[in-house]
Each structure stands twice: as structure tokens, then as C-alpha cells.
Amino acid sequence: MSFMIGVALFLLTVAAMEGVAYVAHRWVMHGFGWFLHES
């Protein structure tokens, strides 16, 4: 695997994790998980 493929894979992985974190926060913590997040 070339260096640039490794860098691209790393950046895509970080972007995907940020997307999952956003979705989890937006729809879980501000939805049915609000009792955990309101404080």
C-alpha cells in the first residue's frame, strides 16, 4: 500500500468517525437519550 493510499484511508476513516459522532449526538442524545445529556 502506498503512502498516499494510507493517508487517504486515514482521512476517510476520521471523516466517517466524525459523521457517526454527529449522527449519534444529534439523533440519539437529543432524542431518546436526552435524559443523559440534559445536564
PDB file of N, CA and C in Angstrom:
ATOM      1  N   MET A   1       0.857  -1.181   0.000  1.00  0.00           N
ATOM      2  CA  MET A   1       0.000   0.000   0.000  1.00  0.00           C
ATOM      3  C   MET A   1       0.897   1.236   0.000  1.00  0.00           C
ATOM      4  N   SER A   2       0.634   2.127  -0.920  1.00  0.00           N
ATOM      5  CA  SER A   2       1.453   3.328  -0.998  1.00  0.00           C
ATOM      6  C   SER A   2       1.116   4.294   0.141  1.00  0.00           C
ATOM      7  N   PHE A   3       2.010   5.217   0.353  1.00  0.00           N
ATOM      8  CA  PHE A   3       1.843   6.202   1.421  1.00  0.00           C
ATOM      9  C   PHE A   3       0.566   7.022   1.222  1.00  0.00           C
ATOM     10  N   MET A   4       0.308   7.448  -0.013  1.00  0.00           N
ATOM     11  CA  MET A   4      -0.860   8.291  -0.280  1.00  0.00           C
ATOM     12  C   MET A   4      -2.178   7.539  -0.055  1.00  0.00           C
ATOM     13  N   ILE A   5      -2.206   6.256  -0.355  1.00  0.00           N
ATOM     14  CA  ILE A   5      -3.405   5.463  -0.076  1.00  0.00           C
ATOM     15  C   ILE A   5      -3.618   5.368   1.430  1.00  0.00           C
ATOM     16  N   GLY A   6      -2.541   5.195   2.177  1.00  0.00           N
ATOM     17  CA  GLY A   6      -2.637   5.154   3.635  1.00  0.00           C
ATOM     18  C   GLY A   6      -3.160   6.456   4.209  1.00  0.00           C
ATOM     19  N   VAL A   7      -2.654   7.580   3.691  1.00  0.00           N
ATOM     20  CA  VAL A   7      -3.110   8.895   4.156  1.00  0.00           C
ATOM     21  C   VAL A   7      -4.584   9.092   3.811  1.00  0.00           C
ATOM     22  N   ALA A   8      -4.975   8.730   2.587  1.00  0.00           N
ATOM     23  CA  ALA A   8      -6.373   8.876   2.179  1.00  0.00           C
ATOM     24  C   ALA A   8      -7.284   8.000   3.037  1.00  0.00           C
ATOM     25  N   LEU A   9      -6.858   6.776   3.309  1.00  0.00           N
ATOM     26  CA  LEU A   9      -7.646   5.878   4.148  1.00  0.00           C
ATOM     27  C   LEU A   9      -7.791   6.434   5.558  1.00  0.00           C
ATOM     28  N   PHE A  10      -6.721   6.992   6.096  1.00  0.00           N
ATOM     29  CA  PHE A  10      -6.767   7.608   7.424  1.00  0.00           C
ATOM     30  C   PHE A  10      -7.759   8.770   7.443  1.00  0.00           C
ATOM     31  N   LEU A  11      -7.676   9.646   6.453  1.00  0.00           N
ATOM     32  CA  LEU A  11      -8.562  10.811   6.415  1.00  0.00           C
ATOM     33  C   LEU A  11     -10.026  10.400   6.236  1.00  0.00           C
ATOM     34  N   LEU A  12     -10.274   9.397   5.395  1.00  0.00           N
ATOM     35  CA  LEU A  12     -11.645   8.911   5.227  1.00  0.00           C
ATOM     36  C   LEU A  12     -12.175   8.281   6.509  1.00  0.00           C
ATOM     37  N   THR A  13     -11.316   7.580   7.231  1.00  0.00           N
ATOM     38  CA  THR A  13     -11.721   6.967   8.495  1.00  0.00           C
ATOM     39  C   THR A  13     -12.081   8.031   9.522  1.00  0.00           C
ATOM     40  N   VAL A  14     -11.256   9.070   9.626  1.00  0.00           N
ATOM     41  CA  VAL A  14     -11.534  10.162  10.566  1.00  0.00           C
ATOM     42  C   VAL A  14     -12.843  10.860  10.189  1.00  0.00           C
ATOM     43  N   ALA A  15     -13.048  11.119   8.898  1.00  0.00           N
ATOM     44  CA  ALA A  15     -14.286  11.767   8.449  1.00  0.00           C
ATOM     45  C   ALA A  15     -15.503  10.899   8.766  1.00  0.00           C
ATOM     46  N   ALA A  16     -15.389   9.591   8.568  1.00  0.00           N
ATOM     47  CA  ALA A  16     -16.501   8.686   8.870  1.00  0.00           C
ATOM     48  C   ALA A  16     -16.801   8.673  10.363  1.00  0.00           C
ATOM     49  N   MET A  17     -15.773   8.663  11.197  1.00  0.00           N
ATOM     50  CA  MET A  17     -15.987   8.675  12.648  1.00  0.00           C
ATOM     51  C   MET A  17     -16.668   9.970  13.082  1.00  0.00           C
ATOM     52  N   GLU A  18     -16.275  11.092  12.483  1.00  0.00           N
ATOM     53  CA  GLU A  18     -16.920  12.365  12.809  1.00  0.00           C
ATOM     54  C   GLU A  18     -18.392  12.346  12.401  1.00  0.00           C
ATOM     55  N   GLY A  19     -18.680  11.759  11.256  1.00  0.00           N
ATOM     56  CA  GLY A  19     -20.066  11.647  10.811  1.00  0.00           C
ATOM     57  C   GLY A  19     -20.904  10.808  11.759  1.00  0.00           C
ATOM     58  N   VAL A  20     -20.368   9.684  12.201  1.00  0.00           N
ATOM     59  CA  VAL A  20     -21.086   8.822  13.145  1.00  0.00           C
ATOM     60  C   VAL A  20     -21.288   9.545  14.469  1.00  0.00           C
ATOM     61  N   ALA A  21     -20.268  10.271  14.934  1.00  0.00           N
ATOM     62  CA  ALA A  21     -20.394  11.013  16.191  1.00  0.00           C
ATOM     63  C   ALA A  21     -21.471  12.096  16.080  1.00  0.00           C
ATOM     64  N   TYR A  22     -21.512  12.789  14.945  1.00  0.00           N
ATOM     65  CA  TYR A  22     -22.531  13.819  14.742  1.00  0.00           C
ATOM     66  C   TYR A  22     -23.933  13.214  14.770  1.00  0.00           C
ATOM     67  N   VAL A  23     -24.115  12.129  14.023  1.00  0.00           N
ATOM     68  CA  VAL A  23     -25.429  11.485  13.960  1.00  0.00           C
ATOM     69  C   VAL A  23     -25.839  10.970  15.335  1.00  0.00           C
ATOM     70  N   ALA A  24     -24.907  10.347  16.053  1.00  0.00           N
ATOM     71  CA  ALA A  24     -25.219   9.821  17.384  1.00  0.00           C
ATOM     72  C   ALA A  24     -25.615  10.952  18.325  1.00  0.00           C
ATOM     73  N   HIS A  25     -24.900  12.059  18.268  1.00  0.00           N
ATOM     74  CA  HIS A  25     -25.219  13.183  19.144  1.00  0.00           C
ATOM     75  C   HIS A  25     -26.546  13.817  18.761  1.00  0.00           C
ATOM     76  N   ARG A  26     -26.756  14.018  17.473  1.00  0.00           N
ATOM     77  CA  ARG A  26     -27.952  14.732  17.013  1.00  0.00           C
ATOM     78  C   ARG A  26     -29.225  13.930  17.250  1.00  0.00           C
ATOM     79  N   TRP A  27     -29.219  12.653  16.875  1.00  0.00           N
ATOM     80  CA  TRP A  27     -30.463  11.893  16.911  1.00  0.00           C
ATOM     81  C   TRP A  27     -30.606  10.991  18.121  1.00  0.00           C
ATOM     82  N   VAL A  28     -29.518  10.666  18.794  1.00  0.00           N
ATOM     83  CA  VAL A  28     -29.636   9.825  19.990  1.00  0.00           C
ATOM     84  C   VAL A  28     -29.682  10.700  21.235  1.00  0.00           C
ATOM     85  N   MET A  29     -28.663  11.554  21.424  1.00  0.00           N
ATOM     86  CA  MET A  29     -28.599  12.347  22.645  1.00  0.00           C
ATOM     87  C   MET A  29     -29.649  13.452  22.681  1.00  0.00           C
ATOM     88  N   HIS A  30     -30.086  13.932  21.539  1.00  0.00           N
ATOM     89  CA  HIS A  30     -31.157  14.927  21.526  1.00  0.00           C
ATOM     90  C   HIS A  30     -32.498  14.278  21.250  1.00  0.00           C
ATOM     91  N   GLY A  31     -32.516  12.961  21.245  1.00  0.00           N
ATOM     92  CA  GLY A  31     -33.761  12.208  21.078  1.00  0.00           C
ATOM     93  C   GLY A  31     -34.051  11.443  22.359  1.00  0.00           C
ATOM     94  N   PHE A  32     -34.031  10.113  22.257  1.00  0.00           N
ATOM     95  CA  PHE A  32     -34.383   9.292  23.419  1.00  0.00           C
ATOM     96  C   PHE A  32     -33.312   9.285  24.500  1.00  0.00           C
ATOM     97  N   GLY A  33     -32.110   9.784  24.214  1.00  0.00           N
ATOM     98  CA  GLY A  33     -31.058   9.841  25.226  1.00  0.00           C
ATOM     99  C   GLY A  33     -30.955  11.194  25.917  1.00  0.00           C
ATOM    100  N   TRP A  34     -31.972  12.048  25.743  1.00  0.00           N
ATOM    101  CA  TRP A  34     -31.909  13.403  26.301  1.00  0.00           C
ATOM    102  C   TRP A  34     -31.713  13.388  27.812  1.00  0.00           C
ATOM    103  N   PHE A  35     -32.294  12.412  28.513  1.00  0.00           N
ATOM    104  CA  PHE A  35     -32.151  12.358  29.971  1.00  0.00           C
ATOM    105  C   PHE A  35     -30.687  12.199  30.388  1.00  0.00           C
ATOM    106  N   LEU A  36     -29.848  11.655  29.524  1.00  0.00           N
ATOM    107  CA  LEU A  36     -28.418  11.525  29.820  1.00  0.00           C
ATOM    108  C   LEU A  36     -27.652  12.802  29.493  1.00  0.00           C
ATOM    109  N   HIS A  37     -28.185  13.612  28.593  1.00  0.00           N
ATOM    110  CA  HIS A  37     -27.434  14.719  28.005  1.00  0.00           C
ATOM    111  C   HIS A  37     -27.851  16.089  28.530  1.00  0.00           C
ATOM    112  N   GLU A  38     -29.004  16.183  29.179  1.00  0.00           N
ATOM    113  CA  GLU A  38     -29.534  17.499  29.523  1.00  0.00           C
ATOM    114  C   GLU A  38     -28.728  18.241  30.582  1.00  0.00           C
ATOM    115  N   SER A  39     -27.980  17.550  31.403  1.00  0.00           N
ATOM    116  CA  SER A  39     -27.172  18.243  32.404  1.00  0.00           C
ATOM    117  C   SER A  39     -25.945  18.807  31.738  1.00  0.00           C
TER     118      SER A  39
END
